[in-house]
Amino acid sequence: MSGNSNAIYNLALHYDIKKNYKYAINYYLIAIEKGNLNAIYNLALYYDDVEKDYTNAVKYYLMAIKKVIQMQCLNWHFIIIIKK
């Protein structure tokens, strides 16, 4: 599926709010493939709060943490370049 990760994430969120988890998970995974941090975090919350599947919850929490660290490193890289 092509498209904007934020639009796909919003579709996942719509299904999540409606408690249509089958579609929510599907669209969260598509958004995750496109690098959407919010989708990663919300999928972790789903596994933690709804499914009580702590193995998958931890998997997606760690994925979200890794993504944040990558984003911060990229930000620092640009700051260093700008200051040179």
N, C-alpha and C. Protein backbone atom coordinates (compact mmCIF):
# COMPACT_ATOMS: atom_id res chain seq x y z
N MET A 1 0.86 -1.18 0.00
CA MET A 1 0.00 0.00 0.00
C MET A 1 0.90 1.24 0.00
N SER A 2 0.64 2.11 -0.93
CA SER A 2 1.38 3.36 -0.94
C SER A 2 0.57 4.39 -0.15
N GLY A 3 1.21 5.47 0.19
CA GLY A 3 0.49 6.52 0.89
C GLY A 3 1.29 7.10 2.04
N ASN A 4 0.76 8.14 2.55
CA ASN A 4 1.37 8.88 3.65
C ASN A 4 1.21 8.10 4.95
N SER A 5 2.32 7.96 5.70
CA SER A 5 2.26 7.18 6.93
C SER A 5 1.32 7.79 7.96
N ASN A 6 1.19 9.12 7.97
CA ASN A 6 0.28 9.77 8.92
C ASN A 6 -1.18 9.48 8.57
N ALA A 7 -1.50 9.45 7.30
CA ALA A 7 -2.87 9.12 6.88
C ALA A 7 -3.20 7.68 7.24
N ILE A 8 -2.24 6.79 7.00
CA ILE A 8 -2.45 5.37 7.34
C ILE A 8 -2.58 5.21 8.85
N TYR A 9 -1.74 5.92 9.60
CA TYR A 9 -1.82 5.89 11.05
C TYR A 9 -3.19 6.39 11.52
N ASN A 10 -3.68 7.47 10.94
CA ASN A 10 -5.00 8.00 11.32
C ASN A 10 -6.11 7.01 11.04
N LEU A 11 -5.99 6.26 9.95
CA LEU A 11 -6.98 5.22 9.66
C LEU A 11 -6.91 4.13 10.73
N ALA A 12 -5.71 3.74 11.11
CA ALA A 12 -5.54 2.74 12.17
C ALA A 12 -6.15 3.24 13.47
N LEU A 13 -5.90 4.50 13.78
CA LEU A 13 -6.43 5.09 15.00
C LEU A 13 -7.96 5.10 14.99
N HIS A 14 -8.54 5.39 13.83
CA HIS A 14 -10.00 5.36 13.69
C HIS A 14 -10.55 3.98 14.05
N TYR A 15 -9.93 2.94 13.48
CA TYR A 15 -10.39 1.57 13.77
C TYR A 15 -10.12 1.20 15.22
N ASP A 16 -9.02 1.68 15.77
CA ASP A 16 -8.69 1.41 17.17
C ASP A 16 -9.76 2.00 18.09
N ILE A 17 -10.13 3.24 17.85
CA ILE A 17 -11.16 3.91 18.66
C ILE A 17 -12.49 3.17 18.56
N LYS A 18 -12.79 2.65 17.36
CA LYS A 18 -14.03 1.89 17.15
C LYS A 18 -13.94 0.46 17.68
N LYS A 19 -12.76 0.11 18.22
CA LYS A 19 -12.48 -1.23 18.75
C LYS A 19 -12.55 -2.32 17.68
N ASN A 20 -12.28 -1.91 16.44
CA ASN A 20 -12.15 -2.87 15.35
C ASN A 20 -10.66 -3.17 15.22
N TYR A 21 -10.18 -4.01 16.12
CA TYR A 21 -8.75 -4.22 16.28
C TYR A 21 -8.10 -4.93 15.10
N LYS A 22 -8.84 -5.77 14.40
CA LYS A 22 -8.28 -6.47 13.24
C LYS A 22 -7.78 -5.45 12.22
N TYR A 23 -8.61 -4.48 11.90
CA TYR A 23 -8.22 -3.46 10.92
C TYR A 23 -7.19 -2.49 11.52
N ALA A 24 -7.35 -2.17 12.79
CA ALA A 24 -6.41 -1.25 13.45
C ALA A 24 -4.99 -1.82 13.38
N ILE A 25 -4.84 -3.08 13.75
CA ILE A 25 -3.52 -3.70 13.73
C ILE A 25 -2.95 -3.70 12.31
N ASN A 26 -3.78 -4.06 11.34
CA ASN A 26 -3.34 -4.08 9.96
C ASN A 26 -2.78 -2.73 9.53
N TYR A 27 -3.51 -1.65 9.82
CA TYR A 27 -3.06 -0.33 9.40
C TYR A 27 -1.91 0.20 10.26
N TYR A 28 -1.88 -0.18 11.53
CA TYR A 28 -0.71 0.19 12.35
C TYR A 28 0.55 -0.44 11.75
N LEU A 29 0.48 -1.71 11.37
CA LEU A 29 1.64 -2.39 10.80
C LEU A 29 2.09 -1.75 9.50
N ILE A 30 1.15 -1.34 8.67
CA ILE A 30 1.50 -0.66 7.42
C ILE A 30 2.19 0.67 7.72
N ALA A 31 1.63 1.41 8.68
CA ALA A 31 2.24 2.70 9.06
C ALA A 31 3.63 2.48 9.66
N ILE A 32 3.79 1.42 10.43
CA ILE A 32 5.10 1.10 11.01
C ILE A 32 6.11 0.82 9.92
N GLU A 33 5.71 0.08 8.89
CA GLU A 33 6.61 -0.18 7.76
C GLU A 33 7.09 1.11 7.12
N LYS A 34 6.27 2.14 7.21
CA LYS A 34 6.62 3.44 6.64
C LYS A 34 7.31 4.35 7.66
N GLY A 35 7.60 3.80 8.86
CA GLY A 35 8.39 4.51 9.85
C GLY A 35 7.61 5.40 10.80
N ASN A 36 6.31 5.19 10.96
CA ASN A 36 5.50 6.05 11.81
C ASN A 36 5.67 5.67 13.29
N LEU A 37 6.26 6.59 14.06
CA LEU A 37 6.53 6.35 15.48
C LEU A 37 5.24 6.19 16.29
N ASN A 38 4.24 7.00 16.01
CA ASN A 38 2.97 6.90 16.76
C ASN A 38 2.32 5.53 16.58
N ALA A 39 2.42 4.98 15.38
CA ALA A 39 1.85 3.65 15.12
C ALA A 39 2.57 2.59 15.96
N ILE A 40 3.89 2.71 16.05
CA ILE A 40 4.66 1.75 16.86
C ILE A 40 4.19 1.81 18.31
N TYR A 41 4.09 3.02 18.84
CA TYR A 41 3.69 3.18 20.24
C TYR A 41 2.26 2.70 20.49
N ASN A 42 1.35 3.04 19.58
CA ASN A 42 -0.04 2.63 19.78
C ASN A 42 -0.20 1.11 19.68
N LEU A 43 0.58 0.48 18.82
CA LEU A 43 0.52 -0.98 18.75
C LEU A 43 1.05 -1.60 20.04
N ALA A 44 2.09 -1.01 20.60
CA ALA A 44 2.59 -1.47 21.90
C ALA A 44 1.51 -1.34 22.97
N LEU A 45 0.82 -0.20 22.96
CA LEU A 45 -0.27 0.00 23.93
C LEU A 45 -1.38 -1.03 23.74
N TYR A 46 -1.71 -1.32 22.49
CA TYR A 46 -2.75 -2.32 22.20
C TYR A 46 -2.35 -3.66 22.81
N TYR A 47 -1.12 -4.11 22.54
CA TYR A 47 -0.69 -5.40 23.09
C TYR A 47 -0.62 -5.37 24.61
N ASP A 48 -0.25 -4.24 25.17
CA ASP A 48 -0.14 -4.11 26.62
C ASP A 48 -1.52 -4.07 27.28
N ASP A 49 -2.39 -3.21 26.79
CA ASP A 49 -3.67 -2.94 27.47
C ASP A 49 -4.82 -3.85 27.05
N VAL A 50 -4.89 -4.18 25.78
CA VAL A 50 -6.03 -4.95 25.26
C VAL A 50 -5.75 -6.44 25.27
N GLU A 51 -4.67 -6.83 24.62
CA GLU A 51 -4.36 -8.26 24.48
C GLU A 51 -3.66 -8.86 25.70
N LYS A 52 -3.04 -8.01 26.50
CA LYS A 52 -2.22 -8.48 27.63
C LYS A 52 -1.11 -9.41 27.14
N ASP A 53 -0.63 -9.13 25.91
CA ASP A 53 0.46 -9.87 25.29
C ASP A 53 1.73 -9.06 25.54
N TYR A 54 2.36 -9.33 26.67
CA TYR A 54 3.47 -8.50 27.11
C TYR A 54 4.74 -8.70 26.27
N THR A 55 4.86 -9.87 25.65
CA THR A 55 6.01 -10.11 24.78
C THR A 55 5.97 -9.16 23.59
N ASN A 56 4.81 -9.08 22.93
CA ASN A 56 4.68 -8.16 21.80
C ASN A 56 4.67 -6.71 22.26
N ALA A 57 4.10 -6.44 23.42
CA ALA A 57 4.11 -5.07 23.94
C ALA A 57 5.55 -4.59 24.11
N VAL A 58 6.39 -5.40 24.73
CA VAL A 58 7.78 -5.03 24.93
C VAL A 58 8.49 -4.88 23.59
N LYS A 59 8.20 -5.77 22.65
CA LYS A 59 8.80 -5.69 21.31
C LYS A 59 8.55 -4.32 20.69
N TYR A 60 7.30 -3.85 20.75
CA TYR A 60 6.97 -2.58 20.11
C TYR A 60 7.39 -1.37 20.95
N TYR A 61 7.38 -1.50 22.27
CA TYR A 61 7.92 -0.42 23.10
C TYR A 61 9.41 -0.21 22.79
N LEU A 62 10.15 -1.31 22.70
CA LEU A 62 11.58 -1.21 22.39
C LEU A 62 11.81 -0.65 21.00
N MET A 63 10.95 -1.04 20.05
CA MET A 63 11.05 -0.51 18.70
C MET A 63 10.82 1.00 18.71
N ALA A 64 9.86 1.45 19.50
CA ALA A 64 9.59 2.89 19.61
C ALA A 64 10.77 3.62 20.23
N ILE A 65 11.35 3.05 21.27
CA ILE A 65 12.52 3.66 21.91
C ILE A 65 13.67 3.78 20.91
N LYS A 66 13.91 2.71 20.16
CA LYS A 66 14.98 2.72 19.16
C LYS A 66 14.74 3.82 18.12
N LYS A 67 13.50 3.96 17.68
CA LYS A 67 13.15 4.98 16.69
C LYS A 67 13.40 6.38 17.25
N VAL A 68 13.03 6.62 18.50
CA VAL A 68 13.24 7.93 19.12
C VAL A 68 14.74 8.22 19.21
N ILE A 69 15.53 7.23 19.61
CA ILE A 69 16.98 7.42 19.71
C ILE A 69 17.56 7.75 18.33
N GLN A 70 17.10 7.04 17.29
CA GLN A 70 17.58 7.33 15.94
C GLN A 70 17.22 8.75 15.53
N MET A 71 16.02 9.18 15.85
CA MET A 71 15.59 10.53 15.51
C MET A 71 16.43 11.57 16.25
N GLN A 72 16.74 11.31 17.52
CA GLN A 72 17.55 12.24 18.30
C GLN A 72 18.97 12.32 17.76
N CYS A 73 19.52 11.18 17.37
CA CYS A 73 20.87 11.19 16.79
C CYS A 73 20.89 11.98 15.50
N LEU A 74 19.87 11.82 14.68
CA LEU A 74 19.77 12.57 13.44
C LEU A 74 19.66 14.06 13.72
N ASN A 75 18.87 14.43 14.72
CA ASN A 75 18.74 15.84 15.10
C ASN A 75 20.08 16.42 15.54
N TRP A 76 20.81 15.68 16.37
CA TRP A 76 22.12 16.15 16.82
C TRP A 76 23.09 16.28 15.66
N HIS A 77 23.01 15.36 14.71
CA HIS A 77 23.87 15.42 13.54
C HIS A 77 23.63 16.72 12.77
N PHE A 78 22.38 17.09 12.57
CA PHE A 78 22.05 18.32 11.86
C PHE A 78 22.49 19.56 12.65
N ILE A 79 22.35 19.51 13.95
CA ILE A 79 22.78 20.64 14.79
C ILE A 79 24.28 20.84 14.65
N ILE A 80 25.02 19.76 14.66
CA ILE A 80 26.48 19.85 14.52
C ILE A 80 26.85 20.43 13.16
N ILE A 81 26.17 19.98 12.11
CA ILE A 81 26.44 20.48 10.76
C ILE A 81 26.14 21.98 10.67
N ILE A 82 25.02 22.38 11.22
CA ILE A 82 24.60 23.78 11.17
C ILE A 82 25.59 24.67 11.90
N LYS A 83 26.13 24.21 13.02
CA LYS A 83 27.04 25.02 13.82
C LYS A 83 28.44 25.13 13.21
N LYS A 84 28.76 24.26 12.26
CA LYS A 84 30.10 24.29 11.63
C LYS A 84 30.26 25.46 10.72
